[in-house]
Amino acid sequence: MVHEMRRKRQALSEQETWEVLERGSSGVLALIDEDGLPYAVPLSYVCHDGRIYYHCAKVGHKLNAVRANGRASFCVIDRDEVVPEKFTTKYRSAIVFGAIREVVSPEEIMRAMRALAAKYSPAEGEDAFQREMKSSGALCVLALDIERMSGKQGKELLKEKENTP
């Protein structure tokens, strides 16, 4: 079931939502684990080729959850500024929903790892990347194939945007 955003005026455009996702350095991946319990974990990620990639170990709770239930959501907070005197927060965030899977193609794994390296270690060269890949050992790459997404900003940010010439 797709839930409509209640405060549509605060919705970000698709382009603005992608910008939030691309700017972020971390987000929270939400899964349902093998016991049917919610499991949310903060992760580094990269947006690449219209999907979101993560890397993880070849064993663990996150991978077990992905294998048990291939549905996921991922949330990135772009701005979170408390305004105590107004009892509010200036916020902007994005959330995506989709199918998450283990990447098995060596080519897709390498593309994802290169995209992650370019995002988090842009000054490092190919030699450093190759050394890191060799020393990584057992590594798994996950891909979240986005089915839908939404972004939202607080009323205060919307007012600021509307008052900007």
N, C-alpha and C. Protein backbone atom coordinates (compact mmCIF):
# COMPACT_ATOMS: atom_id res chain seq x y z
N MET A 1 0.84 -1.17 0.00
CA MET A 1 0.00 0.00 0.00
C MET A 1 0.89 1.24 0.00
N VAL A 2 0.64 2.16 -0.89
CA VAL A 2 1.37 3.41 -0.97
C VAL A 2 0.59 4.46 -0.18
N HIS A 3 1.26 5.06 0.77
CA HIS A 3 0.63 6.10 1.58
C HIS A 3 0.95 7.47 0.99
N GLU A 4 -0.06 8.27 0.81
CA GLU A 4 0.13 9.63 0.30
C GLU A 4 0.71 10.52 1.40
N MET A 5 1.57 11.44 1.02
CA MET A 5 2.10 12.39 1.98
C MET A 5 0.97 13.33 2.41
N ARG A 6 0.82 13.47 3.70
CA ARG A 6 -0.26 14.29 4.24
C ARG A 6 -0.04 15.78 3.95
N ARG A 7 1.16 16.25 4.11
CA ARG A 7 1.47 17.66 3.88
C ARG A 7 2.20 17.81 2.55
N LYS A 8 1.41 17.71 1.49
CA LYS A 8 1.97 17.70 0.13
C LYS A 8 2.77 18.96 -0.20
N ARG A 9 2.40 20.06 0.39
CA ARG A 9 3.11 21.33 0.14
C ARG A 9 4.58 21.24 0.54
N GLN A 10 4.87 20.37 1.50
CA GLN A 10 6.23 20.23 2.00
C GLN A 10 7.04 19.19 1.22
N ALA A 11 6.40 18.54 0.26
CA ALA A 11 7.08 17.49 -0.51
C ALA A 11 8.19 18.09 -1.38
N LEU A 12 9.28 17.37 -1.46
CA LEU A 12 10.36 17.73 -2.37
C LEU A 12 10.05 17.14 -3.74
N SER A 13 10.56 17.79 -4.76
CA SER A 13 10.43 17.23 -6.11
C SER A 13 11.31 15.99 -6.21
N GLU A 14 11.13 15.23 -7.27
CA GLU A 14 11.97 14.05 -7.48
C GLU A 14 13.44 14.46 -7.58
N GLN A 15 13.72 15.55 -8.29
CA GLN A 15 15.10 16.04 -8.43
C GLN A 15 15.68 16.44 -7.07
N GLU A 16 14.90 17.16 -6.25
CA GLU A 16 15.38 17.56 -4.93
C GLU A 16 15.60 16.34 -4.04
N THR A 17 14.75 15.34 -4.18
CA THR A 17 14.91 14.11 -3.39
C THR A 17 16.20 13.40 -3.78
N TRP A 18 16.47 13.31 -5.09
CA TRP A 18 17.74 12.71 -5.53
C TRP A 18 18.93 13.50 -4.99
N GLU A 19 18.83 14.82 -4.97
CA GLU A 19 19.92 15.65 -4.46
C GLU A 19 20.19 15.36 -2.99
N VAL A 20 19.13 15.18 -2.21
CA VAL A 20 19.29 14.82 -0.79
C VAL A 20 20.03 13.49 -0.70
N LEU A 21 19.60 12.51 -1.47
CA LEU A 21 20.24 11.19 -1.44
C LEU A 21 21.71 11.27 -1.87
N GLU A 22 21.99 12.03 -2.89
CA GLU A 22 23.36 12.12 -3.39
C GLU A 22 24.27 12.90 -2.45
N ARG A 23 23.74 13.89 -1.74
CA ARG A 23 24.54 14.69 -0.80
C ARG A 23 24.90 13.93 0.45
N GLY A 24 24.04 13.05 0.89
CA GLY A 24 24.22 12.38 2.18
C GLY A 24 25.45 11.50 2.23
N SER A 25 25.97 11.34 3.44
CA SER A 25 27.11 10.43 3.63
C SER A 25 26.70 9.18 4.40
N SER A 26 25.53 9.23 5.04
CA SER A 26 25.03 8.05 5.73
C SER A 26 23.51 8.10 5.77
N GLY A 27 22.93 6.94 6.00
CA GLY A 27 21.48 6.83 6.12
C GLY A 27 21.16 5.60 6.93
N VAL A 28 19.87 5.36 7.12
CA VAL A 28 19.43 4.21 7.91
C VAL A 28 18.65 3.26 7.00
N LEU A 29 19.15 2.04 6.89
CA LEU A 29 18.50 0.99 6.12
C LEU A 29 17.58 0.21 7.06
N ALA A 30 16.32 0.09 6.67
CA ALA A 30 15.34 -0.63 7.48
C ALA A 30 14.94 -1.91 6.77
N LEU A 31 15.02 -3.00 7.50
CA LEU A 31 14.74 -4.34 6.98
C LEU A 31 13.83 -5.08 7.95
N ILE A 32 13.33 -6.23 7.52
CA ILE A 32 12.63 -7.16 8.40
C ILE A 32 13.52 -8.39 8.49
N ASP A 33 13.91 -8.77 9.71
CA ASP A 33 14.86 -9.87 9.83
C ASP A 33 14.19 -11.24 9.75
N GLU A 34 14.99 -12.26 9.88
CA GLU A 34 14.50 -13.63 9.72
C GLU A 34 13.47 -14.04 10.78
N ASP A 35 13.40 -13.31 11.89
CA ASP A 35 12.39 -13.56 12.92
C ASP A 35 11.16 -12.68 12.75
N GLY A 36 11.12 -11.90 11.66
CA GLY A 36 9.99 -11.01 11.42
C GLY A 36 10.06 -9.71 12.20
N LEU A 37 11.22 -9.42 12.78
CA LEU A 37 11.38 -8.21 13.58
C LEU A 37 12.01 -7.10 12.75
N PRO A 38 11.64 -5.85 13.05
CA PRO A 38 12.27 -4.74 12.33
C PRO A 38 13.75 -4.64 12.71
N TYR A 39 14.56 -4.29 11.75
CA TYR A 39 16.00 -4.12 11.96
C TYR A 39 16.43 -2.90 11.15
N ALA A 40 16.90 -1.88 11.84
CA ALA A 40 17.36 -0.66 11.17
C ALA A 40 18.83 -0.46 11.51
N VAL A 41 19.63 -0.17 10.48
CA VAL A 41 21.07 -0.06 10.67
C VAL A 41 21.62 1.13 9.89
N PRO A 42 22.42 1.98 10.55
CA PRO A 42 23.04 3.10 9.83
C PRO A 42 24.17 2.61 8.93
N LEU A 43 24.22 3.17 7.71
CA LEU A 43 25.20 2.71 6.73
C LEU A 43 25.72 3.85 5.86
N SER A 44 26.92 3.68 5.37
CA SER A 44 27.43 4.49 4.26
C SER A 44 26.84 3.90 2.99
N TYR A 45 26.73 4.70 1.95
CA TYR A 45 26.07 4.24 0.72
C TYR A 45 26.50 5.11 -0.44
N VAL A 46 26.10 4.69 -1.62
CA VAL A 46 26.29 5.53 -2.80
C VAL A 46 25.09 5.32 -3.74
N CYS A 47 24.65 6.41 -4.34
CA CYS A 47 23.63 6.35 -5.40
C CYS A 47 24.39 6.18 -6.71
N HIS A 48 24.04 5.15 -7.46
CA HIS A 48 24.75 4.89 -8.72
C HIS A 48 23.83 4.10 -9.64
N ASP A 49 23.75 4.53 -10.88
CA ASP A 49 22.92 3.84 -11.88
C ASP A 49 21.47 3.69 -11.43
N GLY A 50 20.94 4.70 -10.73
CA GLY A 50 19.54 4.68 -10.34
C GLY A 50 19.19 3.76 -9.18
N ARG A 51 20.20 3.27 -8.47
CA ARG A 51 19.95 2.44 -7.29
C ARG A 51 20.90 2.86 -6.18
N ILE A 52 20.75 2.25 -5.03
CA ILE A 52 21.62 2.57 -3.90
C ILE A 52 22.42 1.32 -3.56
N TYR A 53 23.72 1.52 -3.40
CA TYR A 53 24.62 0.41 -3.08
C TYR A 53 25.22 0.58 -1.69
N TYR A 54 25.43 -0.57 -1.04
CA TYR A 54 26.07 -0.65 0.27
C TYR A 54 27.06 -1.81 0.20
N HIS A 55 28.01 -1.83 1.11
CA HIS A 55 28.84 -3.03 1.21
C HIS A 55 28.78 -3.52 2.65
N CYS A 56 28.98 -4.81 2.80
CA CYS A 56 28.92 -5.40 4.14
C CYS A 56 29.72 -6.70 4.15
N ALA A 57 29.79 -7.29 5.32
CA ALA A 57 30.47 -8.59 5.44
C ALA A 57 29.60 -9.68 4.82
N LYS A 58 30.21 -10.80 4.55
CA LYS A 58 29.48 -11.93 3.94
C LYS A 58 28.61 -12.68 4.94
N VAL A 59 28.71 -12.35 6.21
CA VAL A 59 27.85 -12.96 7.24
C VAL A 59 27.39 -11.86 8.19
N GLY A 60 26.22 -12.05 8.79
CA GLY A 60 25.75 -11.11 9.80
C GLY A 60 24.25 -10.87 9.71
N HIS A 61 23.77 -10.12 10.68
CA HIS A 61 22.35 -9.84 10.84
C HIS A 61 21.76 -9.16 9.60
N LYS A 62 22.46 -8.16 9.08
CA LYS A 62 21.96 -7.41 7.92
C LYS A 62 21.76 -8.33 6.71
N LEU A 63 22.75 -9.12 6.42
CA LEU A 63 22.66 -10.03 5.27
C LEU A 63 21.60 -11.11 5.49
N ASN A 64 21.49 -11.61 6.71
CA ASN A 64 20.43 -12.57 7.01
C ASN A 64 19.05 -11.96 6.77
N ALA A 65 18.89 -10.70 7.17
CA ALA A 65 17.60 -10.02 6.98
C ALA A 65 17.31 -9.83 5.49
N VAL A 66 18.31 -9.44 4.72
CA VAL A 66 18.13 -9.26 3.27
C VAL A 66 17.70 -10.58 2.64
N ARG A 67 18.33 -11.65 3.06
CA ARG A 67 18.01 -12.97 2.50
C ARG A 67 16.62 -13.45 2.93
N ALA A 68 16.18 -13.05 4.12
CA ALA A 68 14.88 -13.48 4.64
C ALA A 68 13.72 -12.72 4.01
N ASN A 69 13.94 -11.44 3.73
CA ASN A 69 12.87 -10.60 3.20
C ASN A 69 13.51 -9.52 2.35
N GLY A 70 13.33 -9.58 1.07
CA GLY A 70 13.99 -8.66 0.14
C GLY A 70 13.35 -7.29 0.01
N ARG A 71 12.56 -6.87 0.99
CA ARG A 71 11.95 -5.54 0.97
C ARG A 71 12.72 -4.64 1.93
N ALA A 72 12.87 -3.37 1.56
CA ALA A 72 13.64 -2.46 2.40
C ALA A 72 13.19 -1.02 2.20
N SER A 73 13.53 -0.20 3.18
CA SER A 73 13.43 1.24 3.01
C SER A 73 14.74 1.84 3.52
N PHE A 74 15.04 3.01 3.03
CA PHE A 74 16.30 3.68 3.38
C PHE A 74 16.00 5.15 3.55
N CYS A 75 16.46 5.72 4.65
CA CYS A 75 16.18 7.12 4.98
C CYS A 75 17.48 7.89 5.13
N VAL A 76 17.53 9.07 4.53
CA VAL A 76 18.67 9.98 4.65
C VAL A 76 18.18 11.31 5.18
N ILE A 77 18.81 11.81 6.23
CA ILE A 77 18.48 13.12 6.78
C ILE A 77 19.50 14.11 6.26
N ASP A 78 19.02 15.09 5.51
CA ASP A 78 19.87 16.09 4.87
C ASP A 78 20.09 17.30 5.78
N ARG A 79 19.08 17.63 6.54
CA ARG A 79 19.19 18.79 7.43
C ARG A 79 18.37 18.50 8.67
N ASP A 80 18.92 18.90 9.82
CA ASP A 80 18.25 18.65 11.10
C ASP A 80 18.72 19.74 12.07
N GLU A 81 18.01 20.83 12.06
CA GLU A 81 18.40 21.99 12.86
C GLU A 81 17.26 22.32 13.84
N VAL A 82 17.51 22.08 15.11
CA VAL A 82 16.50 22.35 16.13
C VAL A 82 16.39 23.86 16.33
N VAL A 83 15.14 24.35 16.37
CA VAL A 83 14.86 25.76 16.64
C VAL A 83 14.07 25.80 17.96
N PRO A 84 14.79 25.79 19.10
CA PRO A 84 14.11 25.63 20.39
C PRO A 84 13.09 26.72 20.71
N GLU A 85 13.38 27.95 20.34
CA GLU A 85 12.47 29.04 20.69
C GLU A 85 11.15 28.97 19.93
N LYS A 86 11.13 28.18 18.83
CA LYS A 86 9.89 28.01 18.06
C LYS A 86 9.32 26.60 18.22
N PHE A 87 9.95 25.79 19.09
CA PHE A 87 9.48 24.43 19.34
C PHE A 87 9.35 23.63 18.04
N THR A 88 10.36 23.76 17.19
CA THR A 88 10.30 23.07 15.91
C THR A 88 11.70 22.69 15.44
N THR A 89 11.75 22.09 14.29
CA THR A 89 13.01 21.68 13.65
C THR A 89 12.96 22.04 12.18
N LYS A 90 14.06 22.58 11.67
CA LYS A 90 14.22 22.78 10.23
C LYS A 90 14.84 21.49 9.72
N TYR A 91 14.06 20.76 8.94
CA TYR A 91 14.54 19.46 8.49
C TYR A 91 14.28 19.26 7.01
N ARG A 92 15.08 18.36 6.44
CA ARG A 92 14.89 17.92 5.06
C ARG A 92 15.37 16.47 5.02
N SER A 93 14.58 15.60 4.43
CA SER A 93 14.95 14.19 4.39
C SER A 93 14.38 13.52 3.15
N ALA A 94 14.90 12.34 2.90
CA ALA A 94 14.43 11.53 1.77
C ALA A 94 14.29 10.10 2.25
N ILE A 95 13.32 9.40 1.69
CA ILE A 95 13.14 7.99 2.00
C ILE A 95 12.84 7.26 0.70
N VAL A 96 13.45 6.09 0.56
CA VAL A 96 13.20 5.27 -0.62
C VAL A 96 12.70 3.90 -0.17
N PHE A 97 11.95 3.26 -1.05
CA PHE A 97 11.41 1.93 -0.82
C PHE A 97 11.74 1.08 -2.02
N GLY A 98 12.01 -0.19 -1.78
CA GLY A 98 12.26 -1.06 -2.92
C GLY A 98 12.69 -2.44 -2.52
N ALA A 99 13.24 -3.12 -3.51
CA ALA A 99 13.74 -4.48 -3.34
C ALA A 99 15.24 -4.42 -3.14
N ILE A 100 15.71 -5.12 -2.12
CA ILE A 100 17.15 -5.16 -1.85
C ILE A 100 17.65 -6.56 -2.16
N ARG A 101 18.85 -6.60 -2.71
CA ARG A 101 19.39 -7.89 -3.14
C ARG A 101 20.90 -7.90 -2.97
N GLU A 102 21.42 -9.11 -2.88
CA GLU A 102 22.86 -9.32 -2.92
C GLU A 102 23.31 -9.20 -4.36
N VAL A 103 24.34 -8.46 -4.61
CA VAL A 103 24.87 -8.34 -5.96
C VAL A 103 25.79 -9.55 -6.20
N VAL A 104 25.55 -10.25 -7.29
CA VAL A 104 26.36 -11.43 -7.59
C VAL A 104 27.28 -11.23 -8.79
N SER A 105 26.95 -10.30 -9.65
CA SER A 105 27.78 -10.05 -10.83
C SER A 105 29.09 -9.37 -10.43
N PRO A 106 30.23 -9.97 -10.77
CA PRO A 106 31.52 -9.34 -10.46
C PRO A 106 31.63 -7.93 -11.06
N GLU A 107 31.07 -7.74 -12.24
CA GLU A 107 31.14 -6.42 -12.88
C GLU A 107 30.34 -5.38 -12.09
N GLU A 108 29.14 -5.77 -11.65
CA GLU A 108 28.31 -4.83 -10.87
C GLU A 108 28.95 -4.56 -9.51
N ILE A 109 29.54 -5.58 -8.91
CA ILE A 109 30.24 -5.38 -7.63
C ILE A 109 31.35 -4.37 -7.81
N MET A 110 32.15 -4.52 -8.86
CA MET A 110 33.27 -3.60 -9.09
C MET A 110 32.77 -2.19 -9.38
N ARG A 111 31.69 -2.04 -10.16
CA ARG A 111 31.14 -0.70 -10.42
C ARG A 111 30.67 -0.05 -9.12
N ALA A 112 29.99 -0.83 -8.28
CA ALA A 112 29.50 -0.31 -7.01
C ALA A 112 30.66 0.10 -6.10
N MET A 113 31.68 -0.74 -6.02
CA MET A 113 32.82 -0.43 -5.15
C MET A 113 33.60 0.78 -5.67
N ARG A 114 33.72 0.92 -6.98
CA ARG A 114 34.37 2.11 -7.54
C ARG A 114 33.55 3.37 -7.23
N ALA A 115 32.23 3.26 -7.31
CA ALA A 115 31.37 4.41 -7.00
C ALA A 115 31.49 4.77 -5.51
N LEU A 116 31.52 3.76 -4.64
CA LEU A 116 31.71 4.03 -3.21
C LEU A 116 33.07 4.69 -2.96
N ALA A 117 34.12 4.17 -3.59
CA ALA A 117 35.45 4.74 -3.42
C ALA A 117 35.51 6.18 -3.93
N ALA A 118 34.88 6.45 -5.06
CA ALA A 118 34.86 7.81 -5.61
C ALA A 118 34.14 8.77 -4.68
N LYS A 119 33.10 8.29 -4.01
CA LYS A 119 32.34 9.15 -3.10
C LYS A 119 33.11 9.42 -1.81
N TYR A 120 33.67 8.39 -1.20
CA TYR A 120 34.27 8.52 0.12
C TYR A 120 35.78 8.74 0.12
N SER A 121 36.46 8.40 -0.96
CA SER A 121 37.92 8.55 -1.03
C SER A 121 38.31 9.11 -2.40
N PRO A 122 37.78 10.27 -2.76
CA PRO A 122 37.99 10.78 -4.12
C PRO A 122 39.44 11.10 -4.47
N ALA A 123 40.27 11.37 -3.48
CA ALA A 123 41.66 11.74 -3.77
C ALA A 123 42.56 10.52 -3.94
N GLU A 124 42.07 9.34 -3.60
CA GLU A 124 42.89 8.14 -3.70
C GLU A 124 42.89 7.63 -5.13
N GLY A 125 43.99 7.12 -5.55
CA GLY A 125 44.13 6.66 -6.93
C GLY A 125 43.78 5.19 -7.12
N GLU A 126 44.00 4.74 -8.34
CA GLU A 126 43.68 3.35 -8.71
C GLU A 126 44.50 2.36 -7.91
N ASP A 127 45.78 2.65 -7.66
CA ASP A 127 46.62 1.72 -6.90
C ASP A 127 46.06 1.52 -5.49
N ALA A 128 45.66 2.62 -4.85
CA ALA A 128 45.08 2.53 -3.51
C ALA A 128 43.77 1.75 -3.53
N PHE A 129 42.96 1.97 -4.56
CA PHE A 129 41.70 1.24 -4.69
C PHE A 129 41.97 -0.26 -4.83
N GLN A 130 42.90 -0.62 -5.69
CA GLN A 130 43.22 -2.05 -5.90
C GLN A 130 43.76 -2.69 -4.62
N ARG A 131 44.62 -1.97 -3.89
CA ARG A 131 45.14 -2.50 -2.61
C ARG A 131 43.99 -2.73 -1.62
N GLU A 132 43.09 -1.77 -1.54
CA GLU A 132 41.96 -1.89 -0.62
C GLU A 132 41.07 -3.07 -1.01
N MET A 133 40.82 -3.23 -2.29
CA MET A 133 39.98 -4.34 -2.74
C MET A 133 40.64 -5.69 -2.39
N LYS A 134 41.95 -5.79 -2.55
CA LYS A 134 42.65 -7.03 -2.24
C LYS A 134 42.63 -7.32 -0.75
N SER A 135 42.71 -6.27 0.08
CA SER A 135 42.75 -6.47 1.53
C SER A 135 41.36 -6.60 2.15
N SER A 136 40.31 -6.34 1.37
CA SER A 136 38.94 -6.37 1.91
C SER A 136 38.47 -7.76 2.29
N GLY A 137 39.04 -8.77 1.69
CA GLY A 137 38.64 -10.13 2.01
C GLY A 137 37.21 -10.42 1.58
N ALA A 138 36.46 -11.08 2.46
CA ALA A 138 35.09 -11.47 2.16
C ALA A 138 34.17 -10.26 2.29
N LEU A 139 33.78 -9.74 1.16
CA LEU A 139 32.94 -8.56 1.16
C LEU A 139 31.73 -8.83 0.28
N CYS A 140 30.62 -8.26 0.69
CA CYS A 140 29.37 -8.43 -0.02
C CYS A 140 28.86 -7.05 -0.42
N VAL A 141 28.25 -6.96 -1.56
CA VAL A 141 27.64 -5.71 -2.01
C VAL A 141 26.14 -5.93 -2.10
N LEU A 142 25.39 -4.97 -1.58
CA LEU A 142 23.93 -4.99 -1.64
C LEU A 142 23.46 -3.86 -2.53
N ALA A 143 22.38 -4.10 -3.25
CA ALA A 143 21.78 -3.07 -4.10
C ALA A 143 20.32 -2.91 -3.73
N LEU A 144 19.91 -1.68 -3.54
CA LEU A 144 18.50 -1.37 -3.31
C LEU A 144 17.95 -0.82 -4.62
N ASP A 145 17.10 -1.61 -5.26
CA ASP A 145 16.47 -1.20 -6.51
C ASP A 145 15.24 -0.38 -6.12
N ILE A 146 15.28 0.90 -6.40
CA ILE A 146 14.27 1.84 -5.93
C ILE A 146 12.98 1.68 -6.72
N GLU A 147 11.89 1.51 -5.98
CA GLU A 147 10.56 1.42 -6.59
C GLU A 147 9.80 2.73 -6.42
N ARG A 148 10.02 3.39 -5.30
CA ARG A 148 9.41 4.71 -5.09
C ARG A 148 10.21 5.44 -4.04
N MET A 149 10.08 6.76 -4.06
CA MET A 149 10.80 7.57 -3.09
C MET A 149 10.03 8.85 -2.84
N SER A 150 10.34 9.46 -1.72
CA SER A 150 9.74 10.75 -1.42
C SER A 150 10.72 11.56 -0.58
N GLY A 151 10.57 12.84 -0.67
CA GLY A 151 11.37 13.75 0.14
C GLY A 151 10.45 14.77 0.77
N LYS A 152 10.89 15.28 1.90
CA LYS A 152 10.05 16.23 2.62
C LYS A 152 10.94 17.23 3.34
N GLN A 153 10.43 18.46 3.45
CA GLN A 153 11.14 19.48 4.22
C GLN A 153 10.16 20.12 5.19
N GLY A 154 10.70 20.63 6.28
CA GLY A 154 9.88 21.29 7.28
C GLY A 154 9.30 22.59 6.77
N LYS A 155 8.25 23.04 7.42
CA LYS A 155 7.57 24.28 7.02
C LYS A 155 8.53 25.47 7.04
N GLU A 156 9.45 25.49 7.99
CA GLU A 156 10.37 26.62 8.11
C GLU A 156 11.30 26.71 6.90
N LEU A 157 11.78 25.57 6.42
CA LEU A 157 12.63 25.57 5.22
C LEU A 157 11.82 25.95 3.99
N LEU A 158 10.59 25.50 3.93
CA LEU A 158 9.71 25.86 2.82
C LEU A 158 9.50 27.37 2.78
N LYS A 159 9.28 27.99 3.94
CA LYS A 159 9.10 29.45 4.02
C LYS A 159 10.37 30.16 3.56
N GLU A 160 11.54 29.66 4.00
CA GLU A 160 12.81 30.26 3.58
C GLU A 160 12.96 30.18 2.07
N LYS A 161 12.62 29.04 1.50
CA LYS A 161 12.74 28.83 0.05
C LYS A 161 11.81 29.77 -0.69
N GLU A 162 10.58 29.92 -0.21
CA GLU A 162 9.60 30.78 -0.85
C GLU A 162 9.97 32.27 -0.77
N ASN A 163 10.72 32.64 0.27
CA ASN A 163 11.12 34.04 0.45
C ASN A 163 12.45 34.37 -0.20
N THR A 164 13.08 33.39 -0.85
CA THR A 164 14.34 33.62 -1.53
C THR A 164 14.05 34.10 -2.95
N PRO A 165 14.64 35.26 -3.32
CA PRO A 165 14.36 35.77 -4.68
C PRO A 165 14.94 34.90 -5.77
